[in-house]
Amino acid sequence: MKIPFEEEALTTVLSDGSLRSDYIHPNAAGYRKLAELIAALLKKSGAVE
């Protein structure tokens, strides 16, 4: 079905201590980075412009 899937984004965010509010939750900057990575994937796949 060619559904876009981003398996690295959350790992990328949580591996950077400045993007976490605790060991398992992103902070505001982390959620922003996560959204940017997902948006890039959706644009690359043609799902959004």
Protein backbone atom coordinates (compact mmCIF):
# COMPACT_ATOMS: atom_id res chain seq x y z
CA MET A 1 0.00 0.00 0.00
CA LYS A 2 3.10 2.24 0.11
CA ILE A 3 2.19 3.84 3.43
CA PRO A 4 5.01 6.13 4.63
CA PHE A 5 6.69 4.79 7.77
CA GLU A 6 9.30 6.61 9.86
CA GLU A 7 11.03 4.19 12.22
CA GLU A 8 13.99 6.37 13.23
CA ALA A 9 12.32 9.66 14.25
CA LEU A 10 11.42 8.80 17.84
CA THR A 11 14.79 7.15 18.44
CA THR A 12 16.52 10.25 17.06
CA VAL A 13 14.57 12.52 19.39
CA LEU A 14 14.89 10.38 22.51
CA SER A 15 18.62 9.83 22.03
CA ASP A 16 19.20 13.59 22.46
CA GLY A 17 18.86 14.62 26.10
CA SER A 18 18.06 18.22 25.14
CA LEU A 19 14.90 16.97 23.36
CA ARG A 20 13.51 14.92 26.30
CA SER A 21 11.50 15.91 29.34
CA ASP A 22 12.33 12.56 30.97
CA TYR A 23 13.67 9.19 29.81
CA ILE A 24 10.70 8.33 27.58
CA HIS A 25 8.92 11.61 26.72
CA PRO A 26 9.99 14.37 24.34
CA ASN A 27 9.83 17.96 25.55
CA ALA A 28 8.43 20.80 23.42
CA ALA A 29 11.60 20.96 21.29
CA GLY A 30 11.51 17.19 20.92
CA TYR A 31 7.92 17.19 19.72
CA ARG A 32 8.82 19.96 17.26
CA LYS A 33 11.72 17.86 15.90
CA LEU A 34 9.48 14.79 15.71
CA ALA A 35 6.87 16.77 13.75
CA GLU A 36 9.57 18.11 11.40
CA LEU A 37 10.88 14.60 10.69
CA ILE A 38 7.38 13.25 10.04
CA ALA A 39 6.52 16.23 7.82
CA ALA A 40 9.69 15.66 5.79
CA LEU A 41 8.74 12.00 5.31
CA LEU A 42 5.21 12.91 4.20
CA LYS A 43 6.54 15.49 1.74
CA LYS A 44 9.15 13.08 0.38
CA SER A 45 6.52 10.37 -0.14
CA GLY A 46 4.14 12.79 -1.89
CA ALA A 47 1.46 12.47 0.78
CA VAL A 48 1.49 16.27 1.32
CA GLU A 49 2.93 19.20 -0.59
